[in-house]
N, C-alpha and C. Protein backbone atom coordinates (compact mmCIF):
# COMPACT_ATOMS: atom_id res chain seq x y z
N MET A 1 -2.21 20.96 10.81
CA MET A 1 -2.24 19.54 11.10
C MET A 1 -2.32 18.77 9.78
N ILE A 2 -1.62 17.67 9.68
CA ILE A 2 -1.63 16.82 8.49
C ILE A 2 -2.97 16.14 8.38
N LYS A 3 -3.51 16.06 7.17
CA LYS A 3 -4.77 15.37 6.94
C LYS A 3 -4.69 13.96 7.52
N GLY A 4 -5.62 13.62 8.39
CA GLY A 4 -5.63 12.30 9.00
C GLY A 4 -4.82 12.19 10.27
N GLU A 5 -4.02 13.21 10.60
CA GLU A 5 -3.18 13.15 11.79
C GLU A 5 -4.01 13.33 13.05
N SER A 6 -3.66 12.64 14.09
CA SER A 6 -4.38 12.74 15.35
C SER A 6 -3.83 13.89 16.18
N ASP A 7 -4.70 14.56 16.90
CA ASP A 7 -4.23 15.46 17.94
C ASP A 7 -4.58 14.81 19.28
N SER A 8 -4.28 15.48 20.36
CA SER A 8 -4.45 14.85 21.67
C SER A 8 -5.91 14.63 22.04
N SER A 9 -6.85 15.28 21.37
CA SER A 9 -8.25 15.17 21.75
C SER A 9 -9.04 14.19 20.90
N SER A 10 -8.46 13.65 19.84
CA SER A 10 -9.22 12.75 18.98
C SER A 10 -8.31 11.76 18.28
N ILE A 11 -8.92 10.68 17.82
CA ILE A 11 -8.21 9.71 17.02
C ILE A 11 -8.87 9.71 15.65
N ASN A 12 -8.09 9.97 14.61
CA ASN A 12 -8.65 10.04 13.27
C ASN A 12 -8.43 8.74 12.53
N SER A 13 -9.49 8.24 11.94
CA SER A 13 -9.39 7.08 11.07
C SER A 13 -9.20 7.57 9.64
N VAL A 14 -8.46 6.81 8.87
CA VAL A 14 -8.26 7.14 7.47
C VAL A 14 -8.58 5.92 6.63
N LEU A 15 -8.93 6.15 5.38
CA LEU A 15 -9.25 5.12 4.42
C LEU A 15 -8.08 5.00 3.46
N VAL A 16 -7.50 3.81 3.33
CA VAL A 16 -6.38 3.60 2.41
C VAL A 16 -6.91 3.68 0.99
N GLY A 17 -6.24 4.44 0.16
CA GLY A 17 -6.63 4.66 -1.24
C GLY A 17 -6.79 6.15 -1.45
N GLY A 18 -6.18 6.67 -2.47
CA GLY A 18 -6.26 8.11 -2.69
C GLY A 18 -5.96 8.44 -4.13
N ASP A 19 -5.43 9.64 -4.33
CA ASP A 19 -5.19 10.16 -5.67
C ASP A 19 -4.27 9.28 -6.49
N GLU A 20 -3.28 8.67 -5.85
CA GLU A 20 -2.28 7.90 -6.58
C GLU A 20 -2.61 6.41 -6.65
N GLY A 21 -3.63 5.94 -5.95
CA GLY A 21 -3.92 4.51 -5.88
C GLY A 21 -3.06 3.88 -4.80
N SER A 22 -3.62 2.99 -4.03
CA SER A 22 -2.94 2.50 -2.83
C SER A 22 -1.66 1.73 -3.13
N LYS A 23 -1.59 0.98 -4.20
CA LYS A 23 -0.41 0.17 -4.46
C LYS A 23 0.83 1.03 -4.66
N SER A 24 0.70 2.21 -5.26
CA SER A 24 1.86 3.03 -5.53
C SER A 24 2.32 3.84 -4.33
N VAL A 25 1.52 3.88 -3.24
CA VAL A 25 1.87 4.73 -2.11
C VAL A 25 2.13 3.96 -0.82
N ILE A 26 2.04 2.64 -0.83
CA ILE A 26 2.36 1.84 0.35
C ILE A 26 3.85 1.55 0.35
N TYR A 27 4.52 1.93 1.43
CA TYR A 27 5.96 1.73 1.56
C TYR A 27 6.19 0.51 2.43
N ASP A 28 6.24 -0.66 1.81
CA ASP A 28 6.24 -1.92 2.56
C ASP A 28 7.63 -2.43 2.93
N CYS A 29 8.67 -1.66 2.64
CA CYS A 29 10.04 -2.09 2.98
C CYS A 29 10.77 -1.09 3.88
N LEU A 30 10.06 -0.21 4.55
CA LEU A 30 10.70 0.77 5.42
C LEU A 30 11.11 0.22 6.77
N ASN A 31 10.75 -1.03 7.05
CA ASN A 31 11.01 -1.60 8.37
C ASN A 31 12.24 -2.50 8.40
N LEU A 32 13.07 -2.47 7.39
CA LEU A 32 14.19 -3.41 7.29
C LEU A 32 15.40 -3.00 8.12
N GLY A 33 15.35 -1.83 8.74
CA GLY A 33 16.44 -1.40 9.61
C GLY A 33 17.67 -0.92 8.86
N ARG A 34 17.50 -0.57 7.60
CA ARG A 34 18.63 -0.05 6.82
C ARG A 34 18.92 1.38 7.24
N ARG A 35 20.13 1.80 7.03
CA ARG A 35 20.56 3.15 7.40
C ARG A 35 19.71 4.22 6.73
N ILE A 36 19.22 3.95 5.53
CA ILE A 36 18.44 4.94 4.78
C ILE A 36 16.96 4.97 5.18
N ASP A 37 16.52 4.03 5.99
CA ASP A 37 15.11 3.97 6.37
C ASP A 37 14.76 5.03 7.41
N VAL A 38 13.48 5.27 7.58
CA VAL A 38 13.00 6.22 8.59
C VAL A 38 13.23 5.68 9.99
N LEU A 39 13.17 6.56 10.98
CA LEU A 39 13.22 6.14 12.39
C LEU A 39 11.80 5.89 12.85
N TRP A 40 11.55 4.69 13.32
CA TRP A 40 10.21 4.30 13.75
C TRP A 40 9.95 4.76 15.18
N PRO A 41 8.68 5.03 15.53
CA PRO A 41 8.37 5.48 16.89
C PRO A 41 8.67 4.42 17.95
N SER A 42 8.59 3.13 17.56
CA SER A 42 8.94 2.06 18.49
C SER A 42 9.40 0.84 17.70
N GLU A 43 10.15 0.00 18.36
CA GLU A 43 10.63 -1.24 17.74
C GLU A 43 9.46 -2.18 17.45
N GLU A 44 8.47 -2.20 18.32
CA GLU A 44 7.28 -3.03 18.10
C GLU A 44 6.57 -2.64 16.80
N MET A 45 6.41 -1.34 16.58
CA MET A 45 5.77 -0.88 15.34
C MET A 45 6.60 -1.27 14.13
N ARG A 46 7.91 -1.11 14.21
CA ARG A 46 8.78 -1.45 13.08
C ARG A 46 8.67 -2.93 12.74
N LEU A 47 8.66 -3.77 13.77
CA LEU A 47 8.60 -5.21 13.54
C LEU A 47 7.25 -5.67 12.97
N SER A 48 6.22 -4.85 13.12
CA SER A 48 4.90 -5.18 12.57
C SER A 48 4.56 -4.30 11.37
N GLY A 49 5.56 -3.63 10.83
CA GLY A 49 5.29 -2.59 9.85
C GLY A 49 5.83 -2.77 8.46
N GLY A 50 5.84 -3.94 7.93
CA GLY A 50 6.30 -4.10 6.55
C GLY A 50 6.01 -5.49 6.01
N ARG A 51 6.23 -5.63 4.74
CA ARG A 51 5.95 -6.89 4.04
C ARG A 51 6.60 -8.08 4.72
N SER A 52 7.80 -7.91 5.28
CA SER A 52 8.50 -9.02 5.92
C SER A 52 7.77 -9.53 7.16
N SER A 53 6.94 -8.71 7.78
CA SER A 53 6.20 -9.14 8.97
C SER A 53 4.73 -9.45 8.67
N TRP A 54 4.21 -8.99 7.56
CA TRP A 54 2.79 -9.18 7.26
C TRP A 54 2.45 -10.60 6.85
N ARG A 55 3.41 -11.33 6.34
CA ARG A 55 3.22 -12.71 5.86
C ARG A 55 2.13 -12.78 4.80
N GLU A 56 1.03 -13.45 5.07
CA GLU A 56 -0.04 -13.63 4.08
C GLU A 56 -0.95 -12.39 3.96
N TRP A 57 -0.91 -11.52 4.95
CA TRP A 57 -1.75 -10.33 4.96
C TRP A 57 -1.18 -9.27 4.03
N CYS A 58 -2.03 -8.52 3.38
CA CYS A 58 -1.57 -7.42 2.52
C CYS A 58 -2.58 -6.27 2.62
N PRO A 59 -2.11 -5.03 2.83
CA PRO A 59 -3.04 -3.91 2.89
C PRO A 59 -3.71 -3.71 1.53
N GLN A 60 -4.98 -3.39 1.57
CA GLN A 60 -5.76 -3.21 0.35
C GLN A 60 -6.45 -1.85 0.36
N GLU A 61 -6.69 -1.34 -0.82
CA GLU A 61 -7.47 -0.11 -0.94
C GLU A 61 -8.83 -0.32 -0.30
N GLY A 62 -9.27 0.65 0.47
CA GLY A 62 -10.56 0.56 1.15
C GLY A 62 -10.46 0.17 2.61
N MET A 63 -9.29 -0.32 3.06
CA MET A 63 -9.12 -0.65 4.47
C MET A 63 -9.06 0.64 5.29
N VAL A 64 -9.57 0.57 6.51
CA VAL A 64 -9.59 1.73 7.40
C VAL A 64 -8.60 1.49 8.53
N GLY A 65 -7.84 2.53 8.87
CA GLY A 65 -6.88 2.43 9.96
C GLY A 65 -6.76 3.74 10.71
N ILE A 66 -5.91 3.74 11.71
CA ILE A 66 -5.70 4.91 12.58
C ILE A 66 -4.28 5.43 12.35
N VAL A 67 -4.15 6.74 12.17
CA VAL A 67 -2.83 7.37 12.02
C VAL A 67 -2.13 7.34 13.37
N ARG A 68 -0.96 6.70 13.42
CA ARG A 68 -0.20 6.60 14.67
C ARG A 68 1.06 7.46 14.67
N HIS A 69 1.55 7.85 13.48
CA HIS A 69 2.80 8.61 13.38
C HIS A 69 2.88 9.19 11.98
N TYR A 70 3.77 10.14 11.78
CA TYR A 70 4.02 10.65 10.43
C TYR A 70 5.50 10.98 10.28
N TRP A 71 5.96 10.97 9.04
CA TRP A 71 7.30 11.40 8.68
C TRP A 71 7.15 12.45 7.59
N GLN A 72 7.87 13.56 7.73
CA GLN A 72 7.75 14.68 6.81
C GLN A 72 9.13 15.02 6.23
N PRO A 73 9.20 15.35 4.94
CA PRO A 73 10.50 15.72 4.36
C PRO A 73 11.13 16.90 5.10
N ASN A 74 12.41 16.82 5.35
CA ASN A 74 13.20 17.90 5.96
C ASN A 74 12.74 18.30 7.36
N HIS A 75 12.06 17.43 8.06
CA HIS A 75 11.62 17.75 9.43
C HIS A 75 12.86 17.91 10.30
N PRO A 76 12.91 18.92 11.18
CA PRO A 76 14.10 19.13 12.01
C PRO A 76 14.37 17.99 13.00
N ASP A 77 13.35 17.26 13.40
CA ASP A 77 13.51 16.14 14.33
C ASP A 77 13.60 14.86 13.50
N SER A 78 14.71 14.15 13.61
CA SER A 78 14.94 12.96 12.78
C SER A 78 13.89 11.87 13.00
N LYS A 79 13.21 11.86 14.14
CA LYS A 79 12.15 10.88 14.39
C LYS A 79 10.94 11.10 13.48
N PHE A 80 10.83 12.30 12.96
CA PHE A 80 9.70 12.65 12.11
C PHE A 80 10.12 12.95 10.66
N ARG A 81 11.36 12.62 10.32
CA ARG A 81 11.89 12.97 9.00
C ARG A 81 11.67 11.85 8.00
N SER A 82 11.06 12.19 6.88
CA SER A 82 10.82 11.24 5.80
C SER A 82 12.10 11.00 5.02
N ASN A 83 12.26 9.80 4.51
CA ASN A 83 13.43 9.48 3.69
C ASN A 83 13.12 9.64 2.20
N VAL A 84 11.93 10.07 1.87
CA VAL A 84 11.55 10.37 0.49
C VAL A 84 10.98 11.79 0.46
N ASN A 85 10.76 12.31 -0.70
CA ASN A 85 10.33 13.69 -0.84
C ASN A 85 8.81 13.82 -0.73
N ARG A 86 8.21 13.17 0.25
CA ARG A 86 6.78 13.28 0.51
C ARG A 86 6.51 12.90 1.95
N THR A 87 5.35 13.34 2.44
CA THR A 87 4.94 13.00 3.79
C THR A 87 4.40 11.58 3.81
N LEU A 88 4.84 10.81 4.80
CA LEU A 88 4.38 9.44 4.98
C LEU A 88 3.60 9.36 6.29
N LEU A 89 2.52 8.60 6.28
CA LEU A 89 1.73 8.37 7.48
C LEU A 89 1.89 6.92 7.89
N LEU A 90 2.00 6.66 9.17
CA LEU A 90 2.04 5.30 9.69
C LEU A 90 0.65 4.95 10.17
N ILE A 91 -0.02 4.06 9.46
CA ILE A 91 -1.40 3.71 9.72
C ILE A 91 -1.44 2.35 10.42
N GLN A 92 -2.19 2.26 11.50
CA GLN A 92 -2.40 0.97 12.17
C GLN A 92 -3.71 0.39 11.66
N ILE A 93 -3.61 -0.81 11.07
CA ILE A 93 -4.78 -1.56 10.61
C ILE A 93 -4.75 -2.88 11.35
N GLY A 94 -5.61 -3.01 12.34
CA GLY A 94 -5.58 -4.20 13.19
C GLY A 94 -4.26 -4.27 13.93
N GLU A 95 -3.55 -5.39 13.80
CA GLU A 95 -2.26 -5.56 14.46
C GLU A 95 -1.09 -5.15 13.57
N HIS A 96 -1.37 -4.66 12.38
CA HIS A 96 -0.34 -4.31 11.41
C HIS A 96 -0.16 -2.80 11.32
N TYR A 97 1.08 -2.39 10.98
CA TYR A 97 1.40 -0.98 10.75
C TYR A 97 1.79 -0.82 9.29
N VAL A 98 1.21 0.17 8.63
CA VAL A 98 1.37 0.35 7.19
C VAL A 98 1.84 1.76 6.90
N PRO A 99 3.09 1.94 6.42
CA PRO A 99 3.54 3.26 5.99
C PRO A 99 2.92 3.58 4.62
N VAL A 100 2.20 4.71 4.55
CA VAL A 100 1.49 5.09 3.34
C VAL A 100 1.79 6.54 3.02
N GLY A 101 2.00 6.85 1.74
CA GLY A 101 2.14 8.24 1.33
C GLY A 101 0.88 9.01 1.66
N GLN A 102 1.03 10.26 2.06
CA GLN A 102 -0.13 11.06 2.49
C GLN A 102 -1.20 11.12 1.41
N ASN A 103 -0.83 11.11 0.13
CA ASN A 103 -1.82 11.16 -0.95
C ASN A 103 -2.55 9.83 -1.11
N GLY A 104 -2.12 8.82 -0.38
CA GLY A 104 -2.74 7.50 -0.50
C GLY A 104 -3.81 7.21 0.54
N VAL A 105 -4.27 8.27 1.25
CA VAL A 105 -5.33 8.08 2.24
C VAL A 105 -6.40 9.14 2.05
N ASN A 106 -7.58 8.80 2.47
CA ASN A 106 -8.72 9.75 2.47
C ASN A 106 -9.22 9.89 3.89
């Protein structure tokens, strides 16, 4: 199981900020619907999942959220396939969804 990933019996909270520092691991432009972007679990999550939808809000190191999805490099299922060479976690913080590199959470 991926660190911070939920299984069916529990919901895991994660803390944004990790080995690389939160600013370098937040992927705030994955929701633009470009061909190269990841496939989101739902359109609602995609529309709430990037800088274009956050407006004045910005994720900060130390915020706590819930892992709702993950994308992994070379995953056989395209719904779970990362578009970069690292695992990404989709973290829900309040009403916002934040794609974060796995090394960017504790």
